[in-house]
Structures are given as structure tokens and as C-alpha cells.
Amino acid sequence: MTYKNYLSMIADAKTYATAEEHLADYGYPADCPFTGDGLVKAFRIIHAVSREDFNAIVAETGLSIYAFAKMFDIPKQTAAHWAGGKRTPPSYTLQLIGYACISIFCERDDDI
């Protein structure tokens, strides 16, 4: 998935109530690099980014806030403020984090 395609999918995700609805319309492309579970997780991350939901992005990784912060070199206090709603991360930051999370945490189909 190119970054340009990813940004387009974020824009599309804003028109769907859930990631599952978006995925149902999108379908499973023949050349998809992800496993079925990986594609579902990717759409959940994209949906969370479209809603600017930092906690949902973190939840999809299975990491704690502090482990997530360490992985992405985000100061712990900053991550805690974002998670607690005291501050909001910039949209571009969430987009970059989401793209990285898809690359790192979504299972890929090694047969492709």
C-alpha cells in the first residue's frame, strides 16, 4: 500500500460508520499483500486514523500506551496526554503513526 493510497483510504473511511463496513465495500483485492486478519486490522487502523482516535490505534497494536510510546519514540507524558484526552496529536502525526502500524503490525501473506 502506497502512502498516497493510504491517505485516500483515510478520506474514504470518514464516510463509513465502521471499519467493517468500509472493508465490506472495498473487498479483498487479488493482489492484497495482507492475510485476511491483517487486512481487517489495517482497516481498523485506517478507520481509527480517520477518526483521529489515538487510543484505538494503540489498541490495534496490542501494546500498552507506554510500550507504544517507546516503540515510536514518543515522550511518555505526551502519549499519556494523548491517551487521556488532555491533548490531541496533530493529524499528520496520527497519519504517519497509522501507516507505520500497518507496516509493522498487520500480518502479510508470504505467498504474494
PDB file of N, CA and C in Angstrom:
ATOM      1  N   MET A   1       0.851  -1.165   0.000  1.00  0.00           N
ATOM      2  CA  MET A   1       0.000   0.000   0.000  1.00  0.00           C
ATOM      3  C   MET A   1       0.901   1.233   0.000  1.00  0.00           C
ATOM      4  N   THR A   2       0.711   2.068  -0.977  1.00  0.00           N
ATOM      5  CA  THR A   2       1.487   3.304  -1.024  1.00  0.00           C
ATOM      6  C   THR A   2       0.897   4.304  -0.032  1.00  0.00           C
ATOM      7  N   TYR A   3       1.691   5.285   0.340  1.00  0.00           N
ATOM      8  CA  TYR A   3       1.214   6.296   1.284  1.00  0.00           C
ATOM      9  C   TYR A   3       0.070   7.103   0.669  1.00  0.00           C
ATOM     10  N   LYS A   4       0.157   7.357  -0.617  1.00  0.00           N
ATOM     11  CA  LYS A   4      -0.896   8.102  -1.303  1.00  0.00           C
ATOM     12  C   LYS A   4      -2.214   7.318  -1.265  1.00  0.00           C
ATOM     13  N   ASN A   5      -2.143   6.012  -1.514  1.00  0.00           N
ATOM     14  CA  ASN A   5      -3.320   5.153  -1.449  1.00  0.00           C
ATOM     15  C   ASN A   5      -3.873   5.127  -0.027  1.00  0.00           C
ATOM     16  N   TYR A   6      -2.995   5.034   0.943  1.00  0.00           N
ATOM     17  CA  TYR A   6      -3.372   5.033   2.362  1.00  0.00           C
ATOM     18  C   TYR A   6      -4.138   6.311   2.720  1.00  0.00           C
ATOM     19  N   LEU A   7      -3.639   7.466   2.299  1.00  0.00           N
ATOM     20  CA  LEU A   7      -4.325   8.728   2.584  1.00  0.00           C
ATOM     21  C   LEU A   7      -5.703   8.772   1.936  1.00  0.00           C
ATOM     22  N   SER A   8      -5.823   8.231   0.743  1.00  0.00           N
ATOM     23  CA  SER A   8      -7.106   8.152   0.056  1.00  0.00           C
ATOM     24  C   SER A   8      -8.081   7.257   0.837  1.00  0.00           C
ATOM     25  N   MET A   9      -7.570   6.172   1.378  1.00  0.00           N
ATOM     26  CA  MET A   9      -8.406   5.259   2.155  1.00  0.00           C
ATOM     27  C   MET A   9      -8.868   5.919   3.459  1.00  0.00           C
ATOM     28  N   ILE A  10      -8.032   6.761   4.045  1.00  0.00           N
ATOM     29  CA  ILE A  10      -8.430   7.502   5.245  1.00  0.00           C
ATOM     30  C   ILE A  10      -9.592   8.432   4.906  1.00  0.00           C
ATOM     31  N   ALA A  11      -9.481   9.129   3.793  1.00  0.00           N
ATOM     32  CA  ALA A  11     -10.565  10.023   3.371  1.00  0.00           C
ATOM     33  C   ALA A  11     -11.849   9.228   3.141  1.00  0.00           C
ATOM     34  N   ASP A  12     -11.751   8.068   2.507  1.00  0.00           N
ATOM     35  CA  ASP A  12     -12.918   7.220   2.276  1.00  0.00           C
ATOM     36  C   ASP A  12     -13.507   6.713   3.589  1.00  0.00           C
ATOM     37  N   ALA A  13     -12.649   6.392   4.547  1.00  0.00           N
ATOM     38  CA  ALA A  13     -13.094   5.829   5.826  1.00  0.00           C
ATOM     39  C   ALA A  13     -14.008   6.782   6.581  1.00  0.00           C
ATOM     40  N   LYS A  14     -13.852   8.071   6.341  1.00  0.00           N
ATOM     41  CA  LYS A  14     -14.680   9.066   7.034  1.00  0.00           C
ATOM     42  C   LYS A  14     -16.157   8.951   6.665  1.00  0.00           C
ATOM     43  N   THR A  15     -16.462   8.283   5.556  1.00  0.00           N
ATOM     44  CA  THR A  15     -17.844   8.147   5.113  1.00  0.00           C
ATOM     45  C   THR A  15     -18.504   6.869   5.634  1.00  0.00           C
ATOM     46  N   TYR A  16     -17.759   6.047   6.358  1.00  0.00           N
ATOM     47  CA  TYR A  16     -18.294   4.792   6.886  1.00  0.00           C
ATOM     48  C   TYR A  16     -18.377   4.850   8.406  1.00  0.00           C
ATOM     49  N   ALA A  17     -19.402   4.223   8.946  1.00  0.00           N
ATOM     50  CA  ALA A  17     -19.580   4.200  10.407  1.00  0.00           C
ATOM     51  C   ALA A  17     -18.562   3.287  11.077  1.00  0.00           C
ATOM     52  N   THR A  18     -18.184   2.202  10.393  1.00  0.00           N
ATOM     53  CA  THR A  18     -17.235   1.252  10.974  1.00  0.00           C
ATOM     54  C   THR A  18     -16.206   0.823   9.938  1.00  0.00           C
ATOM     55  N   ALA A  19     -15.118   0.301  10.454  1.00  0.00           N
ATOM     56  CA  ALA A  19     -14.077  -0.237   9.570  1.00  0.00           C
ATOM     57  C   ALA A  19     -14.600  -1.443   8.808  1.00  0.00           C
ATOM     58  N   GLU A  20     -15.450  -2.229   9.440  1.00  0.00           N
ATOM     59  CA  GLU A  20     -16.003  -3.419   8.800  1.00  0.00           C
ATOM     60  C   GLU A  20     -16.883  -3.061   7.602  1.00  0.00           C
ATOM     61  N   GLU A  21     -17.671  -1.990   7.716  1.00  0.00           N
ATOM     62  CA  GLU A  21     -18.484  -1.533   6.581  1.00  0.00           C
ATOM     63  C   GLU A  21     -17.588  -1.097   5.422  1.00  0.00           C
ATOM     64  N   HIS A  22     -16.544  -0.380   5.747  1.00  0.00           N
ATOM     65  CA  HIS A  22     -15.598   0.087   4.729  1.00  0.00           C
ATOM     66  C   HIS A  22     -14.952  -1.106   4.031  1.00  0.00           C
ATOM     67  N   LEU A  23     -14.503  -2.074   4.818  1.00  0.00           N
ATOM     68  CA  LEU A  23     -13.867  -3.258   4.256  1.00  0.00           C
ATOM     69  C   LEU A  23     -14.841  -4.059   3.395  1.00  0.00           C
ATOM     70  N   ALA A  24     -16.100  -4.142   3.815  1.00  0.00           N
ATOM     71  CA  ALA A  24     -17.099  -4.883   3.040  1.00  0.00           C
ATOM     72  C   ALA A  24     -17.281  -4.270   1.650  1.00  0.00           C
ATOM     73  N   ASP A  25     -17.264  -2.945   1.577  1.00  0.00           N
ATOM     74  CA  ASP A  25     -17.372  -2.288   0.267  1.00  0.00           C
ATOM     75  C   ASP A  25     -16.082  -2.403  -0.533  1.00  0.00           C
ATOM     76  N   TYR A  26     -14.959  -2.356   0.153  1.00  0.00           N
ATOM     77  CA  TYR A  26     -13.648  -2.406  -0.504  1.00  0.00           C
ATOM     78  C   TYR A  26     -13.357  -3.801  -1.055  1.00  0.00           C
ATOM     79  N   GLY A  27     -13.677  -4.814  -0.265  1.00  0.00           N
ATOM     80  CA  GLY A  27     -13.419  -6.189  -0.682  1.00  0.00           C
ATOM     81  C   GLY A  27     -11.975  -6.601  -0.440  1.00  0.00           C
ATOM     82  N   TYR A  28     -11.660  -7.812  -0.858  1.00  0.00           N
ATOM     83  CA  TYR A  28     -10.305  -8.361  -0.687  1.00  0.00           C
ATOM     84  C   TYR A  28      -9.667  -8.454  -2.070  1.00  0.00           C
ATOM     85  N   PRO A  29      -8.783  -7.501  -2.395  1.00  0.00           N
ATOM     86  CA  PRO A  29      -8.173  -7.500  -3.729  1.00  0.00           C
ATOM     87  C   PRO A  29      -7.304  -8.737  -3.973  1.00  0.00           C
ATOM     88  N   ALA A  30      -7.262  -9.187  -5.196  1.00  0.00           N
ATOM     89  CA  ALA A  30      -6.475 -10.365  -5.553  1.00  0.00           C
ATOM     90  C   ALA A  30      -4.991 -10.175  -5.254  1.00  0.00           C
ATOM     91  N   ASP A  31      -4.505  -8.943  -5.378  1.00  0.00           N
ATOM     92  CA  ASP A  31      -3.081  -8.687  -5.162  1.00  0.00           C
ATOM     93  C   ASP A  31      -2.788  -8.134  -3.757  1.00  0.00           C
ATOM     94  N   CYS A  32      -3.684  -8.375  -2.829  1.00  0.00           N
ATOM     95  CA  CYS A  32      -3.540  -7.842  -1.470  1.00  0.00           C
ATOM     96  C   CYS A  32      -2.346  -8.489  -0.776  1.00  0.00           C
ATOM     97  N   PRO A  33      -1.450  -7.681  -0.212  1.00  0.00           N
ATOM     98  CA  PRO A  33      -0.275  -8.237   0.456  1.00  0.00           C
ATOM     99  C   PRO A  33      -0.561  -8.760   1.867  1.00  0.00           C
ATOM    100  N   PHE A  34      -1.775  -8.526   2.372  1.00  0.00           N
ATOM    101  CA  PHE A  34      -2.106  -8.899   3.741  1.00  0.00           C
ATOM    102  C   PHE A  34      -2.896 -10.195   3.802  1.00  0.00           C
ATOM    103  N   THR A  35      -2.783 -10.891   4.922  1.00  0.00           N
ATOM    104  CA  THR A  35      -3.687 -12.002   5.195  1.00  0.00           C
ATOM    105  C   THR A  35      -5.059 -11.405   5.461  1.00  0.00           C
ATOM    106  N   GLY A  36      -6.063 -12.232   5.564  1.00  0.00           N
ATOM    107  CA  GLY A  36      -7.403 -11.733   5.872  1.00  0.00           C
ATOM    108  C   GLY A  36      -7.418 -10.968   7.189  1.00  0.00           C
ATOM    109  N   ASP A  37      -6.808 -11.543   8.230  1.00  0.00           N
ATOM    110  CA  ASP A  37      -6.749 -10.870   9.530  1.00  0.00           C
ATOM    111  C   ASP A  37      -5.934  -9.581   9.455  1.00  0.00           C
ATOM    112  N   GLY A  38      -4.859  -9.617   8.689  1.00  0.00           N
ATOM    113  CA  GLY A  38      -4.028  -8.420   8.530  1.00  0.00           C
ATOM    114  C   GLY A  38      -4.780  -7.294   7.846  1.00  0.00           C
ATOM    115  N   LEU A  39      -5.610  -7.638   6.867  1.00  0.00           N
ATOM    116  CA  LEU A  39      -6.391  -6.621   6.159  1.00  0.00           C
ATOM    117  C   LEU A  39      -7.448  -6.016   7.083  1.00  0.00           C
ATOM    118  N   VAL A  40      -8.077  -6.848   7.899  1.00  0.00           N
ATOM    119  CA  VAL A  40      -9.060  -6.338   8.860  1.00  0.00           C
ATOM    120  C   VAL A  40      -8.391  -5.368   9.821  1.00  0.00           C
ATOM    121  N   LYS A  41      -7.222  -5.744  10.326  1.00  0.00           N
ATOM    122  CA  LYS A  41      -6.502  -4.877  11.257  1.00  0.00           C
ATOM    123  C   LYS A  41      -6.097  -3.572  10.569  1.00  0.00           C
ATOM    124  N   ALA A  42      -5.647  -3.664   9.317  1.00  0.00           N
ATOM    125  CA  ALA A  42      -5.268  -2.460   8.567  1.00  0.00           C
ATOM    126  C   ALA A  42      -6.457  -1.510   8.433  1.00  0.00           C
ATOM    127  N   PHE A  43      -7.640  -2.052   8.135  1.00  0.00           N
ATOM    128  CA  PHE A  43      -8.826  -1.206   8.007  1.00  0.00           C
ATOM    129  C   PHE A  43      -9.234  -0.606   9.349  1.00  0.00           C
ATOM    130  N   ARG A  44      -9.033  -1.348  10.421  1.00  0.00           N
ATOM    131  CA  ARG A  44      -9.336  -0.788  11.749  1.00  0.00           C
ATOM    132  C   ARG A  44      -8.396   0.362  12.076  1.00  0.00           C
ATOM    133  N   ILE A  45      -7.140   0.220  11.714  1.00  0.00           N
ATOM    134  CA  ILE A  45      -6.175   1.305  11.939  1.00  0.00           C
ATOM    135  C   ILE A  45      -6.546   2.511  11.073  1.00  0.00           C
ATOM    136  N   ILE A  46      -6.842   2.277   9.813  1.00  0.00           N
ATOM    137  CA  ILE A  46      -7.238   3.365   8.908  1.00  0.00           C
ATOM    138  C   ILE A  46      -8.477   4.078   9.449  1.00  0.00           C
ATOM    139  N   HIS A  47      -9.445   3.310   9.905  1.00  0.00           N
ATOM    140  CA  HIS A  47     -10.663   3.901  10.458  1.00  0.00           C
ATOM    141  C   HIS A  47     -10.330   4.736  11.703  1.00  0.00           C
ATOM    142  N   ALA A  48      -9.466   4.230  12.565  1.00  0.00           N
ATOM    143  CA  ALA A  48      -9.072   4.967  13.775  1.00  0.00           C
ATOM    144  C   ALA A  48      -8.355   6.265  13.411  1.00  0.00           C
ATOM    145  N   VAL A  49      -7.495   6.212  12.403  1.00  0.00           N
ATOM    146  CA  VAL A  49      -6.805   7.424  11.955  1.00  0.00           C
ATOM    147  C   VAL A  49      -7.817   8.426  11.406  1.00  0.00           C
ATOM    148  N   SER A  50      -8.787   7.944  10.652  1.00  0.00           N
ATOM    149  CA  SER A  50      -9.794   8.856  10.079  1.00  0.00           C
ATOM    150  C   SER A  50     -10.617   9.532  11.168  1.00  0.00           C
ATOM    151  N   ARG A  51     -10.746   8.899  12.317  1.00  0.00           N
ATOM    152  CA  ARG A  51     -11.492   9.450  13.452  1.00  0.00           C
ATOM    153  C   ARG A  51     -10.565  10.163  14.452  1.00  0.00           C
ATOM    154  N   GLU A  52      -9.268  10.172  14.127  1.00  0.00           N
ATOM    155  CA  GLU A  52      -8.240  10.756  14.998  1.00  0.00           C
ATOM    156  C   GLU A  52      -8.333  10.177  16.411  1.00  0.00           C
ATOM    157  N   ASP A  53      -8.453   8.855  16.466  1.00  0.00           N
ATOM    158  CA  ASP A  53      -8.613   8.120  17.716  1.00  0.00           C
ATOM    159  C   ASP A  53      -7.301   7.422  18.074  1.00  0.00           C
ATOM    160  N   PHE A  54      -6.472   8.135  18.811  1.00  0.00           N
ATOM    161  CA  PHE A  54      -5.157   7.614  19.197  1.00  0.00           C
ATOM    162  C   PHE A  54      -5.293   6.301  19.974  1.00  0.00           C
ATOM    163  N   ASN A  55      -6.227   6.243  20.903  1.00  0.00           N
ATOM    164  CA  ASN A  55      -6.382   5.035  21.721  1.00  0.00           C
ATOM    165  C   ASN A  55      -6.738   3.811  20.890  1.00  0.00           C
ATOM    166  N   ALA A  56      -7.559   3.984  19.865  1.00  0.00           N
ATOM    167  CA  ALA A  56      -7.932   2.861  19.004  1.00  0.00           C
ATOM    168  C   ALA A  56      -6.736   2.375  18.189  1.00  0.00           C
ATOM    169  N   ILE A  57      -5.891   3.298  17.759  1.00  0.00           N
ATOM    170  CA  ILE A  57      -4.684   2.903  17.027  1.00  0.00           C
ATOM    171  C   ILE A  57      -3.795   2.063  17.936  1.00  0.00           C
ATOM    172  N   VAL A  58      -3.573   2.551  19.145  1.00  0.00           N
ATOM    173  CA  VAL A  58      -2.742   1.819  20.110  1.00  0.00           C
ATOM    174  C   VAL A  58      -3.356   0.452  20.400  1.00  0.00           C
ATOM    175  N   ALA A  59      -4.664   0.401  20.599  1.00  0.00           N
ATOM    176  CA  ALA A  59      -5.338  -0.865  20.909  1.00  0.00           C
ATOM    177  C   ALA A  59      -5.120  -1.907  19.819  1.00  0.00           C
ATOM    178  N   GLU A  60      -5.107  -1.486  18.570  1.00  0.00           N
ATOM    179  CA  GLU A  60      -4.903  -2.429  17.464  1.00  0.00           C
ATOM    180  C   GLU A  60      -3.510  -3.050  17.475  1.00  0.00           C
ATOM    181  N   THR A  61      -2.568  -2.398  18.117  1.00  0.00           N
ATOM    182  CA  THR A  61      -1.213  -2.953  18.178  1.00  0.00           C
ATOM    183  C   THR A  61      -1.062  -3.983  19.287  1.00  0.00           C
ATOM    184  N   GLY A  62      -1.944  -3.919  20.276  1.00  0.00           N
ATOM    185  CA  GLY A  62      -1.832  -4.829  21.413  1.00  0.00           C
ATOM    186  C   GLY A  62      -0.810  -4.386  22.450  1.00  0.00           C
ATOM    187  N   LEU A  63      -0.232  -3.210  22.262  1.00  0.00           N
ATOM    188  CA  LEU A  63       0.767  -2.683  23.185  1.00  0.00           C
ATOM    189  C   LEU A  63       0.127  -1.778  24.229  1.00  0.00           C
ATOM    190  N   SER A  64       0.813  -1.615  25.340  1.00  0.00           N
ATOM    191  CA  SER A  64       0.387  -0.612  26.308  1.00  0.00           C
ATOM    192  C   SER A  64       0.743   0.766  25.744  1.00  0.00           C
ATOM    193  N   ILE A  65       0.147   1.798  26.314  1.00  0.00           N
ATOM    194  CA  ILE A  65       0.464   3.161  25.879  1.00  0.00           C
ATOM    195  C   ILE A  65       1.967   3.406  25.990  1.00  0.00           C
ATOM    196  N   TYR A  66       2.562   2.961  27.088  1.00  0.00           N
ATOM    197  CA  TYR A  66       3.983   3.243  27.307  1.00  0.00           C
ATOM    198  C   TYR A  66       4.893   2.429  26.381  1.00  0.00           C
ATOM    199  N   ALA A  67       4.517   1.185  26.096  1.00  0.00           N
ATOM    200  CA  ALA A  67       5.293   0.397  25.136  1.00  0.00           C
ATOM    201  C   ALA A  67       5.168   0.992  23.735  1.00  0.00           C
ATOM    202  N   PHE A  68       3.969   1.456  23.402  1.00  0.00           N
ATOM    203  CA  PHE A  68       3.734   2.100  22.118  1.00  0.00           C
ATOM    204  C   PHE A  68       4.579   3.365  22.012  1.00  0.00           C
ATOM    205  N   ALA A  69       4.558   4.169  23.068  1.00  0.00           N
ATOM    206  CA  ALA A  69       5.339   5.412  23.078  1.00  0.00           C
ATOM    207  C   ALA A  69       6.819   5.119  22.893  1.00  0.00           C
ATOM    208  N   LYS A  70       7.306   4.106  23.575  1.00  0.00           N
ATOM    209  CA  LYS A  70       8.724   3.748  23.452  1.00  0.00           C
ATOM    210  C   LYS A  70       9.053   3.303  22.020  1.00  0.00           C
ATOM    211  N   MET A  71       8.181   2.494  21.446  1.00  0.00           N
ATOM    212  CA  MET A  71       8.418   1.991  20.087  1.00  0.00           C
ATOM    213  C   MET A  71       8.528   3.127  19.072  1.00  0.00           C
ATOM    214  N   PHE A  72       7.691   4.167  19.233  1.00  0.00           N
ATOM    215  CA  PHE A  72       7.667   5.258  18.268  1.00  0.00           C
ATOM    216  C   PHE A  72       8.404   6.504  18.752  1.00  0.00           C
ATOM    217  N   ASP A  73       9.145   6.356  19.837  1.00  0.00           N
ATOM    218  CA  ASP A  73       9.950   7.450  20.381  1.00  0.00           C
ATOM    219  C   ASP A  73       9.100   8.687  20.688  1.00  0.00           C
ATOM    220  N   ILE A  74       7.919   8.430  21.246  1.00  0.00           N
ATOM    221  CA  ILE A  74       7.027   9.498  21.688  1.00  0.00           C
ATOM    222  C   ILE A  74       7.260   9.656  23.187  1.00  0.00           C
ATOM    223  N   PRO A  75       7.486  10.857  23.673  1.00  0.00           N
ATOM    224  CA  PRO A  75       7.657  11.012  25.120  1.00  0.00           C
ATOM    225  C   PRO A  75       6.460  10.409  25.872  1.00  0.00           C
ATOM    226  N   LYS A  76       6.748   9.701  26.966  1.00  0.00           N
ATOM    227  CA  LYS A  76       5.685   9.028  27.724  1.00  0.00           C
ATOM    228  C   LYS A  76       4.582   9.995  28.147  1.00  0.00           C
ATOM    229  N   GLN A  77       4.974  11.165  28.597  1.00  0.00           N
ATOM    230  CA  GLN A  77       3.992  12.146  29.047  1.00  0.00           C
ATOM    231  C   GLN A  77       3.083  12.582  27.892  1.00  0.00           C
ATOM    232  N   THR A  78       3.673  12.770  26.734  1.00  0.00           N
ATOM    233  CA  THR A  78       2.895  13.154  25.549  1.00  0.00           C
ATOM    234  C   THR A  78       1.881  12.066  25.207  1.00  0.00           C
ATOM    235  N   ALA A  79       2.343  10.815  25.171  1.00  0.00           N
ATOM    236  CA  ALA A  79       1.434   9.701  24.870  1.00  0.00           C
ATOM    237  C   ALA A  79       0.327   9.610  25.914  1.00  0.00           C
ATOM    238  N   ALA A  80       0.667   9.822  27.171  1.00  0.00           N
ATOM    239  CA  ALA A  80      -0.339   9.772  28.245  1.00  0.00           C
ATOM    240  C   ALA A  80      -1.371  10.890  28.073  1.00  0.00           C
ATOM    241  N   HIS A  81      -0.922  12.067  27.684  1.00  0.00           N
ATOM    242  CA  HIS A  81      -1.840  13.186  27.443  1.00  0.00           C
ATOM    243  C   HIS A  81      -2.754  12.898  26.250  1.00  0.00           C
ATOM    244  N   TRP A  82      -2.186  12.331  25.184  1.00  0.00           N
ATOM    245  CA  TRP A  82      -2.996  11.976  24.020  1.00  0.00           C
ATOM    246  C   TRP A  82      -4.030  10.916  24.399  1.00  0.00           C
ATOM    247  N   ALA A  83      -3.594   9.905  25.131  1.00  0.00           N
ATOM    248  CA  ALA A  83      -4.490   8.813  25.520  1.00  0.00           C
ATOM    249  C   ALA A  83      -5.581   9.295  26.466  1.00  0.00           C
ATOM    250  N   GLY A  84      -5.239  10.224  27.340  1.00  0.00           N
ATOM    251  CA  GLY A  84      -6.195  10.728  28.311  1.00  0.00           C
ATOM    252  C   GLY A  84      -7.080  11.838  27.799  1.00  0.00           C
ATOM    253  N   GLY A  85      -6.837  12.302  26.584  1.00  0.00           N
ATOM    254  CA  GLY A  85      -7.656  13.348  26.000  1.00  0.00           C
ATOM    255  C   GLY A  85      -7.289  14.756  26.439  1.00  0.00           C
ATOM    256  N   LYS A  86      -6.177  14.896  27.153  1.00  0.00           N
ATOM    257  CA  LYS A  86      -5.753  16.241  27.586  1.00  0.00           C
ATOM    258  C   LYS A  86      -5.202  17.057  26.427  1.00  0.00           C
ATOM    259  N   ARG A  87      -4.624  16.346  25.471  1.00  0.00           N
ATOM    260  CA  ARG A  87      -4.121  16.988  24.259  1.00  0.00           C
ATOM    261  C   ARG A  87      -4.459  16.098  23.082  1.00  0.00           C
ATOM    262  N   THR A  88      -4.422  16.681  21.910  1.00  0.00           N
ATOM    263  CA  THR A  88      -4.729  15.942  20.690  1.00  0.00           C
ATOM    264  C   THR A  88      -3.483  15.931  19.799  1.00  0.00           C
ATOM    265  N   PRO A  89      -3.087  14.761  19.326  1.00  0.00           N
ATOM    266  CA  PRO A  89      -1.936  14.726  18.415  1.00  0.00           C
ATOM    267  C   PRO A  89      -2.297  15.367  17.081  1.00  0.00           C
ATOM    268  N   PRO A  90      -1.333  15.981  16.416  1.00  0.00           N
ATOM    269  CA  PRO A  90      -1.601  16.536  15.083  1.00  0.00           C
ATOM    270  C   PRO A  90      -2.051  15.433  14.123  1.00  0.00           C
ATOM    271  N   SER A  91      -2.921  15.778  13.213  1.00  0.00           N
ATOM    272  CA  SER A  91      -3.448  14.806  12.245  1.00  0.00           C
ATOM    273  C   SER A  91      -2.331  14.129  11.461  1.00  0.00           C
ATOM    274  N   TYR A  92      -1.341  14.914  11.036  1.00  0.00           N
ATOM    275  CA  TYR A  92      -0.259  14.324  10.239  1.00  0.00           C
ATOM    276  C   TYR A  92       0.535  13.309  11.059  1.00  0.00           C
ATOM    277  N   THR A  93       0.637  13.536  12.351  1.00  0.00           N
ATOM    278  CA  THR A  93       1.349  12.595  13.216  1.00  0.00           C
ATOM    279  C   THR A  93       0.579  11.280  13.298  1.00  0.00           C
ATOM    280  N   LEU A  94      -0.730  11.369  13.483  1.00  0.00           N
ATOM    281  CA  LEU A  94      -1.545  10.154  13.517  1.00  0.00           C
ATOM    282  C   LEU A  94      -1.492   9.409  12.190  1.00  0.00           C
ATOM    283  N   GLN A  95      -1.470  10.155  11.085  1.00  0.00           N
ATOM    284  CA  GLN A  95      -1.386   9.509   9.776  1.00  0.00           C
ATOM    285  C   GLN A  95      -0.074   8.742   9.638  1.00  0.00           C
ATOM    286  N   LEU A  96       1.008   9.338  10.041  1.00  0.00           N
ATOM    287  CA  LEU A  96       2.308   8.663   9.943  1.00  0.00           C
ATOM    288  C   LEU A  96       2.387   7.467  10.886  1.00  0.00           C
ATOM    289  N   ILE A  97       1.889   7.635  12.100  1.00  0.00           N
ATOM    290  CA  ILE A  97       1.888   6.531  13.060  1.00  0.00           C
ATOM    291  C   ILE A  97       1.026   5.387  12.531  1.00  0.00           C
ATOM    292  N   GLY A  98      -0.150   5.713  12.007  1.00  0.00           N
ATOM    293  CA  GLY A  98      -1.035   4.682  11.469  1.00  0.00           C
ATOM    294  C   GLY A  98      -0.394   3.913  10.328  1.00  0.00           C
ATOM    295  N   TYR A  99       0.280   4.626   9.447  1.00  0.00           N
ATOM    296  CA  TYR A  99       0.951   3.973   8.317  1.00  0.00           C
ATOM    297  C   TYR A  99       2.048   3.035   8.809  1.00  0.00           C
ATOM    298  N   ALA A 100       2.800   3.494   9.798  1.00  0.00           N
ATOM    299  CA  ALA A 100       3.849   2.644  10.383  1.00  0.00           C
ATOM    300  C   ALA A 100       3.234   1.420  11.050  1.00  0.00           C
ATOM    301  N   CYS A 101       2.134   1.613  11.762  1.00  0.00           N
ATOM    302  CA  CYS A 101       1.473   0.489  12.438  1.00  0.00           C
ATOM    303  C   CYS A 101       0.995  -0.560  11.443  1.00  0.00           C
ATOM    304  N   ILE A 102       0.477  -0.132  10.321  1.00  0.00           N
ATOM    305  CA  ILE A 102       0.054  -1.087   9.294  1.00  0.00           C
ATOM    306  C   ILE A 102       1.258  -1.887   8.805  1.00  0.00           C
ATOM    307  N   SER A 103       2.365  -1.208   8.591  1.00  0.00           N
ATOM    308  CA  SER A 103       3.573  -1.885   8.118  1.00  0.00           C
ATOM    309  C   SER A 103       4.121  -2.872   9.143  1.00  0.00           C
ATOM    310  N   ILE A 104       4.008  -2.533  10.413  1.00  0.00           N
ATOM    311  CA  ILE A 104       4.608  -3.345  11.474  1.00  0.00           C
ATOM    312  C   ILE A 104       3.670  -4.428  11.996  1.00  0.00           C
ATOM    313  N   PHE A 105       2.400  -4.092  12.206  1.00  0.00           N
ATOM    314  CA  PHE A 105       1.509  -4.971  12.958  1.00  0.00           C
ATOM    315  C   PHE A 105       0.501  -5.770  12.133  1.00  0.00           C
ATOM    316  N   CYS A 106       0.364  -5.480  10.860  1.00  0.00           N
ATOM    317  CA  CYS A 106      -0.611  -6.215  10.045  1.00  0.00           C
ATOM    318  C   CYS A 106       0.064  -7.387   9.356  1.00  0.00           C
ATOM    319  N   GLU A 107      -0.470  -8.573   9.571  1.00  0.00           N
ATOM    320  CA  GLU A 107       0.126  -9.788   9.022  1.00  0.00           C
ATOM    321  C   GLU A 107       0.112  -9.748   7.499  1.00  0.00           C
ATOM    322  N   ARG A 108       1.221 -10.166   6.943  1.00  0.00           N
ATOM    323  CA  ARG A 108       1.341 -10.195   5.497  1.00  0.00           C
ATOM    324  C   ARG A 108       1.277 -11.626   5.004  1.00  0.00           C
ATOM    325  N   ASP A 109       0.766 -11.775   3.800  1.00  0.00           N
ATOM    326  CA  ASP A 109       0.686 -13.079   3.166  1.00  0.00           C
ATOM    327  C   ASP A 109       2.001 -13.323   2.438  1.00  0.00           C
ATOM    328  N   ASP A 110       2.790 -14.248   2.928  1.00  0.00           N
ATOM    329  CA  ASP A 110       4.115 -14.503   2.346  1.00  0.00           C
ATOM    330  C   ASP A 110       4.058 -15.156   0.969  1.00  0.00           C
ATOM    331  N   ASP A 111       2.867 -15.625   0.580  1.00  0.00           N
ATOM    332  CA  ASP A 111       2.738 -16.270  -0.725  1.00  0.00           C
ATOM    333  C   ASP A 111       2.647 -15.260  -1.865  1.00  0.00           C
ATOM    334  N   ILE A 112       2.456 -13.989  -1.536  1.00  0.00           N
ATOM    335  CA  ILE A 112       2.300 -12.976  -2.602  1.00  0.00           C
ATOM    336  C   ILE A 112       3.622 -12.315  -2.866  1.00  0.00           C
TER     337      ILE A 112
END
